[in-house]
Amino acid sequence: MTEAAPALWQQLQATAAVVAGVRAGRSRTAELALIDSRLRAGVQALSLQVLRTLGLAQALREQLARRPPPAQADALLCTALALLASADPMYAPHTLVSQAVEAAKRTPQIAHQAAFINGCLRRFLREQPALLAQAQQAEVALWNHPAWWIERLRQDHPEAWQAVLTAGQQRAPIVLRVNERQVPRQRYLQALADAGVAASAVAGCGVLLERSQPVQHLPGYAQGWFSVQDAAAQLAAPLLLAGLEPADGQRLRLLDACAAPGGKTAHLLELAQADVLALDADAVRAERIGENLARLQLQARIEVADAAEPSRWWDGRAFDAILLDAPCTASGIVRRHPDVRWLRRAQDIQALAGQQKRLLGALWPLVRPGGRLLYCTCSVFKAEGQAQVQAFLARHNDACLMPSPGHLLPDAAAAGGHLPDNPGREHDGFFYALLQKGLG
């Protein structure tokens, strides 16, 4: 007997729990892992939409109820308001209202709030145009990002801040990186076409899927024919390796300093004959490096260690090149992870910039003369990109900035930066600076 699909009220109840978790400082990924597996796919889709519209939902709730209800009730109310106010509604309004009220009734801690939630939602349906017009006078509601985030973008990118915010509201495409050690890209494109999957070539070894779908079901997944990696992230390995020769004339000695989950480690191995050390401070995430490399039929030495403390893991032999994909705000990937904007605080930028400075200072002495270090972050904030590198160059007179993309903003067409051979395609926000060490 086929199991009945979960009711909408169950999905709304679970989605509200995810929203409450994000508001409490926990990632959407961690919260989704706690959801019943029968509900997870639906909650994943609903929570994406809610978090992309949460600023507007919160502004609407402030009009409907000046004093917020308890946290769980507020999360459910804002979940329903976000879905009702979405430009791409997933359910009929009255169905959504009735199921949200049912979710409240079925949640013991907030059952007494069901009538209140019902009243707020039905008032929204009656007064929707006026309430939306009033709410969207606030920038947080208009752009669905925190006020400090909007102001920081306005300061950092005065010509492109609106385009960056708009891009952050879009659905991210699925981009693959073909493992050409296993299969040429053109052959893989043909395999996709034979399987009825529409796709096109993008920069480097990239393939853009026309429609999102489970990648485990794509041709060649088990055989390691591809990895999922955004087009901007695919620039890292080619940038680091272009024209690089090993000091010993034999094999490159490379370090991926903050490697998990291993996408860039794998790309380095796909492009070069190299001995690669992959580090990560998180043991659980480090395990994923090994799993991903095994699927791709690649090998690296993997260690659990803090890259900023070389005395604990370095063998004293200099590296030809180091890839430092440093911890950052992840402000460039909010279209994939819309919870990031609500998790981060303005003060996080300074704290993360300090961590980036520490990593750069610790790793630079490990680069051989004539070698290089690629510093990158998936951030659009200049404090984690341009300003960080300028300060590094001022501290190190043996460092030279090589031609580098700098800040890649997520709306290529509007922001003026596009990937080579990939004009007009959207990509995540990223920063790249390639630093070469002098020979003297």
Protein backbone atom coordinates (compact mmCIF):
# COMPACT_ATOMS: atom_id res chain seq x y z
CA MET A 1 0.00 0.00 0.00
CA THR A 2 1.38 3.39 -1.04
CA GLU A 3 2.10 5.74 1.86
CA ALA A 4 0.02 8.92 1.77
CA ALA A 5 1.83 12.15 0.98
CA PRO A 6 2.38 14.43 3.99
CA ALA A 7 -0.33 17.02 4.57
CA LEU A 8 0.49 20.65 3.88
CA TRP A 9 -0.01 21.55 7.55
CA GLN A 10 2.77 19.09 8.45
CA GLN A 11 5.13 20.70 5.96
CA LEU A 12 4.27 24.19 7.22
CA GLN A 13 4.79 23.06 10.82
CA ALA A 14 8.24 21.69 9.93
CA THR A 15 9.15 24.72 7.80
CA ALA A 16 8.31 27.02 10.71
CA ALA A 17 10.63 24.93 12.88
CA VAL A 18 13.44 25.50 10.36
CA VAL A 19 12.74 29.25 10.32
CA ALA A 20 12.74 29.35 14.12
CA GLY A 21 16.06 27.51 14.12
CA VAL A 22 17.64 29.97 11.69
CA ARG A 23 16.40 32.86 13.82
CA ALA A 24 18.06 31.19 16.80
CA GLY A 25 21.37 31.08 14.95
CA ARG A 26 21.39 27.57 13.48
CA SER A 27 21.94 26.87 9.78
CA ARG A 28 19.12 25.74 7.53
CA THR A 29 21.18 22.67 6.58
CA ALA A 30 21.47 21.60 10.21
CA GLU A 31 17.75 22.20 10.83
CA LEU A 32 16.71 20.24 7.72
CA ALA A 33 18.73 17.27 8.95
CA LEU A 34 16.39 17.09 11.96
CA ILE A 35 13.23 16.94 9.81
CA ASP A 36 11.40 13.67 9.19
CA SER A 37 12.68 12.24 5.91
CA ARG A 38 9.13 12.05 4.50
CA LEU A 39 8.81 15.82 4.88
CA ARG A 40 12.34 16.90 4.00
CA ALA A 41 12.01 17.50 0.26
CA GLY A 42 8.88 19.62 0.66
CA VAL A 43 10.31 21.54 3.61
CA GLN A 44 13.52 22.17 1.71
CA ALA A 45 11.58 23.86 -1.11
CA LEU A 46 9.27 25.77 1.23
CA SER A 47 12.08 27.01 3.48
CA LEU A 48 14.02 28.31 0.47
CA GLN A 49 11.07 30.40 -0.56
CA VAL A 50 10.32 31.60 2.97
CA LEU A 51 13.89 32.68 3.70
CA ARG A 52 14.03 34.59 0.42
CA THR A 53 10.91 36.52 1.47
CA LEU A 54 11.46 36.71 5.23
CA GLY A 55 12.23 40.44 5.34
CA LEU A 56 8.89 41.24 3.74
CA ALA A 57 7.07 38.72 5.95
CA GLN A 58 8.52 40.27 9.11
CA ALA A 59 7.50 43.76 7.98
CA LEU A 60 3.97 42.53 7.29
CA ARG A 61 3.76 40.86 10.68
CA GLU A 62 4.77 44.13 12.33
CA GLN A 63 1.75 45.78 10.69
CA LEU A 64 -0.60 42.96 11.61
CA ALA A 65 0.59 42.58 15.20
CA ARG A 66 2.72 45.28 16.75
CA ARG A 67 3.79 42.93 19.53
CA PRO A 68 5.28 39.69 18.23
CA PRO A 69 3.74 36.45 19.46
CA PRO A 70 5.95 33.75 21.04
CA ALA A 71 8.86 32.61 18.87
CA GLN A 72 7.25 29.42 17.51
CA ALA A 73 3.98 31.16 16.67
CA ASP A 74 5.85 34.05 15.06
CA ALA A 75 7.88 31.64 12.95
CA LEU A 76 4.71 29.94 11.68
CA LEU A 77 2.96 33.27 11.04
CA CYS A 78 5.95 34.66 9.14
CA THR A 79 6.28 31.39 7.21
CA ALA A 80 2.68 31.69 6.01
CA LEU A 81 3.03 35.42 5.24
CA ALA A 82 6.21 34.83 3.25
CA LEU A 83 4.49 32.19 1.13
CA LEU A 84 1.36 34.31 0.67
CA ALA A 85 3.40 37.37 -0.35
CA SER A 86 5.73 35.49 -2.68
CA ALA A 87 5.80 36.54 -6.32
CA ASP A 88 5.73 32.84 -7.19
CA PRO A 89 3.01 31.35 -4.94
CA MET A 90 3.13 27.61 -4.36
CA TYR A 91 -0.43 27.19 -3.01
CA ALA A 92 -3.82 28.87 -3.26
CA PRO A 93 -4.10 31.58 -0.57
CA HIS A 94 -7.09 30.20 1.31
CA THR A 95 -5.59 26.71 1.31
CA LEU A 96 -2.39 28.08 2.76
CA VAL A 97 -4.24 30.01 5.46
CA SER A 98 -6.37 27.09 6.55
CA GLN A 99 -3.36 24.74 6.64
CA ALA A 100 -1.24 27.24 8.60
CA VAL A 101 -4.02 27.49 11.19
CA GLU A 102 -4.20 23.69 11.28
CA ALA A 103 -0.42 23.59 11.85
CA ALA A 104 -0.85 25.91 14.82
CA LYS A 105 -3.65 23.80 16.28
CA ARG A 106 -1.50 20.67 15.93
CA THR A 107 1.50 22.23 17.69
CA PRO A 108 0.81 21.94 21.44
CA GLN A 109 3.05 24.85 22.46
CA ILE A 110 1.20 27.33 20.22
CA ALA A 111 -2.27 25.81 19.82
CA HIS A 112 -3.69 28.73 21.82
CA GLN A 113 -2.28 31.08 19.13
CA ALA A 114 -4.28 29.50 16.28
CA ALA A 115 -7.08 32.09 16.36
CA PHE A 116 -4.55 34.92 16.42
CA ILE A 117 -2.69 33.48 13.42
CA ASN A 118 -5.98 32.95 11.58
CA GLY A 119 -6.99 36.57 12.19
CA CYS A 120 -3.66 37.96 10.97
CA LEU A 121 -3.61 35.88 7.81
CA ARG A 122 -7.22 36.60 6.87
CA ARG A 123 -6.66 40.31 7.40
CA PHE A 124 -3.65 40.07 5.07
CA LEU A 125 -5.84 38.51 2.36
CA ARG A 126 -8.39 41.29 2.74
CA GLU A 127 -5.91 44.18 2.79
CA GLN A 128 -3.06 42.70 0.79
CA PRO A 129 -2.30 45.59 -1.66
CA ALA A 130 -2.22 48.27 1.04
CA LEU A 131 -0.24 46.14 3.49
CA LEU A 132 2.35 45.22 0.85
CA ALA A 133 2.73 48.82 -0.29
CA GLN A 134 3.31 49.97 3.28
CA ALA A 135 5.73 47.14 4.12
CA GLN A 136 7.87 47.63 1.03
CA GLN A 137 8.72 51.18 2.02
CA ALA A 138 11.33 49.58 4.27
CA GLU A 139 14.50 48.43 2.50
CA VAL A 140 14.66 45.21 4.52
CA ALA A 141 11.23 44.25 3.14
CA LEU A 142 11.98 45.48 -0.37
CA TRP A 143 15.27 43.59 -0.71
CA ASN A 144 14.76 40.80 1.85
CA HIS A 145 18.20 41.31 3.35
CA PRO A 146 19.18 42.81 6.73
CA ALA A 147 19.66 46.58 6.80
CA TRP A 148 23.38 46.38 7.66
CA TRP A 149 23.95 44.01 4.73
CA ILE A 150 22.23 46.38 2.29
CA GLU A 151 24.25 49.34 3.56
CA ARG A 152 27.53 47.42 3.35
CA LEU A 153 26.82 46.49 -0.28
CA ARG A 154 25.87 50.07 -1.10
CA GLN A 155 29.22 51.26 0.26
CA ASP A 156 31.32 48.50 -1.32
CA HIS A 157 29.65 48.40 -4.74
CA PRO A 158 27.83 51.71 -5.34
CA GLU A 159 27.22 50.92 -9.02
CA ALA A 160 26.08 47.34 -8.56
CA TRP A 161 24.56 46.85 -5.09
CA GLN A 162 21.00 46.58 -6.37
CA ALA A 163 22.00 44.00 -8.98
CA VAL A 164 23.80 41.95 -6.32
CA LEU A 165 20.75 41.99 -4.04
CA THR A 166 18.46 41.07 -6.93
CA ALA A 167 20.73 38.18 -7.90
CA GLY A 168 20.60 36.93 -4.31
CA GLN A 169 16.85 36.43 -4.67
CA GLN A 170 17.13 34.19 -7.74
CA ARG A 171 17.17 30.42 -7.87
CA ALA A 172 20.71 29.21 -8.39
CA PRO A 173 21.33 26.98 -11.41
CA ILE A 174 23.08 23.63 -11.15
CA VAL A 175 26.52 23.79 -12.72
CA LEU A 176 28.69 20.71 -13.09
CA ARG A 177 32.45 20.45 -13.50
CA VAL A 178 33.32 17.56 -15.79
CA ASN A 179 36.17 15.35 -14.59
CA GLU A 180 38.07 15.18 -17.85
CA ARG A 181 40.38 12.54 -16.43
CA GLN A 182 37.35 10.28 -16.75
CA VAL A 183 35.41 11.67 -19.72
CA PRO A 184 35.79 14.59 -22.19
CA ARG A 185 33.22 17.31 -21.68
CA GLN A 186 31.76 16.93 -25.16
CA ARG A 187 31.23 13.23 -24.60
CA TYR A 188 29.54 13.97 -21.27
CA LEU A 189 27.25 16.53 -22.88
CA GLN A 190 26.25 13.81 -25.35
CA ALA A 191 25.59 11.40 -22.48
CA LEU A 192 23.30 13.97 -20.89
CA ALA A 193 21.50 14.54 -24.19
CA ASP A 194 21.04 10.78 -24.63
CA ALA A 195 19.47 10.70 -21.15
CA GLY A 196 17.10 13.53 -22.07
CA VAL A 197 18.87 16.10 -19.87
CA ALA A 198 19.15 19.56 -21.48
CA ALA A 199 22.52 21.16 -20.77
CA SER A 200 25.09 23.51 -22.28
CA ALA A 201 28.82 24.12 -21.96
CA VAL A 202 30.06 27.00 -19.82
CA ALA A 203 33.52 28.25 -18.83
CA GLY A 204 36.37 25.79 -18.45
CA CYS A 205 35.05 22.26 -17.91
CA GLY A 206 31.62 23.46 -16.81
CA VAL A 207 28.18 22.23 -17.80
CA LEU A 208 25.01 24.16 -16.99
CA LEU A 209 21.84 22.13 -16.50
CA GLU A 210 18.72 23.70 -17.96
CA ARG A 211 16.61 22.36 -15.08
CA SER A 212 17.45 21.48 -11.50
CA GLN A 213 17.33 17.78 -10.71
CA PRO A 214 18.91 15.24 -8.34
CA VAL A 215 22.51 14.94 -9.49
CA GLN A 216 22.77 11.36 -8.20
CA HIS A 217 20.48 10.34 -11.06
CA LEU A 218 22.60 11.94 -13.78
CA PRO A 219 24.76 9.77 -16.07
CA GLY A 220 28.20 9.02 -14.66
CA TYR A 221 27.60 10.11 -11.06
CA ALA A 222 28.80 6.85 -9.51
CA GLN A 223 31.71 6.66 -11.95
CA GLY A 224 33.00 10.08 -10.93
CA TRP A 225 32.42 11.81 -14.25
CA PHE A 226 31.50 15.15 -12.67
CA SER A 227 31.23 17.26 -9.54
CA VAL A 228 28.70 19.95 -8.68
CA GLN A 229 30.54 23.27 -8.57
CA ASP A 230 29.48 26.83 -9.39
CA ALA A 231 31.12 28.45 -12.40
CA ALA A 232 32.91 31.06 -10.25
CA ALA A 233 34.37 28.39 -7.93
CA GLN A 234 35.67 26.50 -10.98
CA LEU A 235 38.17 29.30 -11.60
CA ALA A 236 40.27 28.48 -8.52
CA ALA A 237 42.33 25.52 -9.72
CA PRO A 238 43.10 26.89 -13.23
CA LEU A 239 44.14 30.25 -11.75
CA LEU A 240 46.50 28.65 -9.26
CA LEU A 241 48.06 26.24 -11.76
CA ALA A 242 48.39 28.34 -14.93
CA GLY A 243 52.06 28.36 -15.96
CA LEU A 244 53.20 26.87 -12.65
CA GLU A 245 56.21 24.52 -12.79
CA PRO A 246 57.39 22.30 -9.91
CA ALA A 247 60.54 23.45 -8.15
CA ASP A 248 62.02 19.95 -8.38
CA GLY A 249 61.08 19.58 -12.04
CA GLN A 250 58.93 16.52 -11.30
CA ARG A 251 55.64 16.87 -9.41
CA LEU A 252 53.93 19.92 -8.01
CA ARG A 253 53.61 20.08 -4.25
CA LEU A 254 50.28 21.74 -3.43
CA LEU A 255 48.31 22.63 -0.31
CA ASP A 256 44.54 23.12 -0.17
CA ALA A 257 44.41 24.85 3.18
CA CYS A 258 40.66 24.89 3.99
CA ALA A 259 39.65 22.06 1.74
CA ALA A 260 36.28 20.62 2.79
CA PRO A 261 34.18 19.36 1.11
CA GLY A 262 36.95 18.81 -1.44
CA GLY A 263 35.66 20.30 -4.69
CA LYS A 264 38.72 22.44 -5.32
CA THR A 265 41.08 19.70 -4.12
CA ALA A 266 39.57 17.42 -6.74
CA HIS A 267 39.87 20.05 -9.45
CA LEU A 268 43.58 20.50 -8.69
CA LEU A 269 44.10 16.75 -9.05
CA GLU A 270 42.08 16.64 -12.26
CA LEU A 271 44.27 19.33 -13.85
CA ALA A 272 47.79 18.51 -12.63
CA GLN A 273 50.16 15.72 -11.74
CA ALA A 274 50.62 16.81 -8.15
CA ASP A 275 51.05 15.75 -4.56
CA VAL A 276 48.20 17.50 -2.76
CA LEU A 277 47.75 17.96 0.98
CA ALA A 278 44.15 18.77 1.88
CA LEU A 279 43.56 20.27 5.32
CA ASP A 280 40.43 21.03 7.25
CA ALA A 281 39.93 21.81 10.92
CA ASP A 282 36.57 19.98 11.06
CA ALA A 283 36.93 16.19 11.25
CA VAL A 284 33.41 15.50 9.96
CA ARG A 285 33.85 17.81 6.97
CA ALA A 286 37.31 16.33 6.31
CA GLU A 287 35.68 12.92 5.90
CA ARG A 288 33.67 14.34 3.02
CA ILE A 289 36.89 15.24 1.21
CA GLY A 290 37.87 11.58 1.15
CA GLU A 291 34.40 10.46 0.08
CA ASN A 292 34.28 12.94 -2.79
CA LEU A 293 37.78 12.10 -3.99
CA ALA A 294 37.02 8.38 -3.87
CA ARG A 295 33.97 8.82 -6.12
CA LEU A 296 36.11 10.81 -8.58
CA GLN A 297 38.91 8.18 -8.44
CA LEU A 298 41.41 10.72 -7.14
CA GLN A 299 43.82 10.66 -4.20
CA ALA A 300 45.23 13.29 -1.85
CA ARG A 301 46.71 13.28 1.63
CA ILE A 302 43.99 14.48 4.00
CA GLU A 303 44.65 15.81 7.48
CA VAL A 304 42.45 17.30 10.18
CA ALA A 305 44.31 20.43 11.28
CA ASP A 306 44.06 24.19 11.67
CA ALA A 307 45.85 25.64 8.66
CA ALA A 308 46.79 28.70 10.74
CA GLU A 309 48.96 26.51 13.01
CA PRO A 310 51.58 24.99 10.67
CA SER A 311 53.76 23.83 13.57
CA ARG A 312 51.16 21.13 14.20
CA TRP A 313 51.07 19.66 10.69
CA TRP A 314 53.76 21.09 8.33
CA ASP A 315 56.80 18.92 7.52
CA GLY A 316 59.03 21.91 6.75
CA ARG A 317 59.06 21.45 2.96
CA ALA A 318 57.82 24.50 1.05
CA PHE A 319 54.87 24.28 -1.30
CA ASP A 320 54.90 25.25 -4.95
CA ALA A 321 51.44 26.69 -4.47
CA ILE A 322 48.78 27.08 -1.80
CA LEU A 323 45.04 27.45 -2.28
CA LEU A 324 43.42 29.36 0.57
CA ASP A 325 39.65 29.36 0.23
CA ALA A 326 39.26 31.17 3.51
CA PRO A 327 36.32 31.07 5.94
CA CYS A 328 34.08 34.05 5.21
CA THR A 329 30.55 35.40 5.52
CA ALA A 330 29.45 33.40 2.44
CA SER A 331 27.73 36.59 1.29
CA GLY A 332 28.29 35.61 -2.35
CA ILE A 333 26.23 32.42 -2.18
CA VAL A 334 22.99 33.62 -0.60
CA ARG A 335 20.92 32.53 -3.59
CA ARG A 336 21.93 28.94 -2.69
CA HIS A 337 21.87 29.49 1.08
CA PRO A 338 19.32 32.24 1.85
CA ASP A 339 19.63 31.55 5.57
CA VAL A 340 23.12 33.07 5.54
CA ARG A 341 21.78 36.62 5.34
CA TRP A 342 19.69 36.09 8.48
CA LEU A 343 22.41 34.20 10.37
CA ARG A 344 25.19 36.73 9.87
CA ARG A 345 25.66 39.86 11.95
CA ALA A 346 27.57 43.02 10.98
CA GLN A 347 30.29 42.27 13.52
CA ASP A 348 30.96 38.89 11.90
CA ILE A 349 32.80 40.60 9.05
CA GLN A 350 35.49 41.98 11.34
CA ALA A 351 35.88 38.66 13.15
CA LEU A 352 36.18 36.71 9.89
CA ALA A 353 38.56 39.27 8.40
CA GLY A 354 40.78 38.69 11.44
CA GLN A 355 40.72 34.95 10.81
CA GLN A 356 41.57 35.49 7.14
CA LYS A 357 44.51 37.72 8.09
CA ARG A 358 45.76 35.04 10.49
CA LEU A 359 45.60 32.35 7.81
CA LEU A 360 47.37 34.47 5.21
CA GLY A 361 50.13 35.34 7.66
CA ALA A 362 50.63 31.72 8.72
CA LEU A 363 50.63 30.21 5.22
CA TRP A 364 52.70 32.74 3.28
CA PRO A 365 56.03 31.55 4.78
CA LEU A 366 55.21 28.04 3.52
CA VAL A 367 55.30 29.14 -0.15
CA ARG A 368 58.65 28.61 -1.89
CA PRO A 369 60.36 31.58 -3.57
CA GLY A 370 58.75 31.96 -6.99
CA GLY A 371 55.70 30.02 -5.80
CA ARG A 372 52.21 31.37 -5.35
CA LEU A 373 49.20 31.55 -3.08
CA LEU A 374 45.64 31.96 -4.32
CA TYR A 375 43.45 33.73 -1.79
CA CYS A 376 39.72 33.43 -2.39
CA THR A 377 36.45 33.83 -0.56
CA CYS A 378 32.81 33.35 -1.56
CA SER A 379 32.12 36.87 -0.34
CA VAL A 380 31.05 40.11 -2.01
CA PHE A 381 32.23 42.27 0.90
CA LYS A 382 35.47 44.16 0.25
CA ALA A 383 36.71 43.68 3.81
CA GLU A 384 37.06 39.98 2.96
CA GLY A 385 38.49 40.58 -0.50
CA GLN A 386 40.10 43.68 -1.94
CA ALA A 387 40.80 45.35 1.41
CA GLN A 388 42.22 42.15 2.89
CA VAL A 389 44.67 41.71 0.02
CA GLN A 390 45.72 45.35 -0.03
CA ALA A 391 46.57 45.13 3.65
CA PHE A 392 48.50 41.87 3.06
CA LEU A 393 50.58 43.43 0.29
CA ALA A 394 51.41 46.37 2.54
CA ARG A 395 52.74 43.94 5.17
CA HIS A 396 54.72 41.70 2.77
CA ASN A 397 57.18 43.30 0.37
CA ASP A 398 58.05 39.87 -1.07
CA ALA A 399 54.49 39.46 -2.43
CA CYS A 400 53.30 40.52 -5.86
CA LEU A 401 49.68 40.55 -7.04
CA MET A 402 49.38 38.67 -10.33
CA PRO A 403 46.49 39.22 -12.79
CA SER A 404 43.38 38.09 -10.91
CA PRO A 405 39.60 38.44 -11.27
CA GLY A 406 39.21 40.35 -7.99
CA HIS A 407 35.55 40.64 -6.98
CA LEU A 408 33.22 38.59 -9.16
CA LEU A 409 29.72 39.81 -8.42
CA PRO A 410 26.82 37.39 -8.77
CA ASP A 411 24.95 39.27 -11.52
CA ALA A 412 27.51 39.27 -14.31
CA ALA A 413 25.49 41.26 -16.84
CA ALA A 414 24.50 44.06 -14.46
CA ALA A 415 27.67 44.22 -12.39
CA GLY A 416 30.09 44.32 -15.30
CA GLY A 417 32.09 41.20 -14.46
CA HIS A 418 31.64 37.97 -16.37
CA LEU A 419 33.52 34.72 -16.53
CA PRO A 420 35.77 33.97 -19.50
CA ASP A 421 33.85 32.22 -22.30
CA ASN A 422 30.73 32.57 -20.20
CA PRO A 423 29.20 35.96 -21.05
CA GLY A 424 25.88 36.82 -19.49
CA ARG A 425 25.69 33.71 -17.33
CA GLU A 426 24.98 34.21 -13.68
CA HIS A 427 27.45 32.88 -11.13
CA ASP A 428 28.01 33.10 -7.40
CA GLY A 429 29.79 36.02 -5.79
CA PHE A 430 33.50 35.35 -5.34
CA PHE A 431 36.84 37.07 -4.80
CA TYR A 432 40.21 35.95 -6.18
CA ALA A 433 43.72 37.31 -5.65
CA LEU A 434 46.76 35.40 -6.95
CA LEU A 435 49.89 36.29 -4.98
CA GLN A 436 53.40 35.37 -6.14
CA LYS A 437 56.43 35.24 -3.86
CA GLY A 438 59.61 36.98 -5.02
CA LEU A 439 62.80 35.05 -5.70
CA GLY A 440 65.05 37.34 -3.67
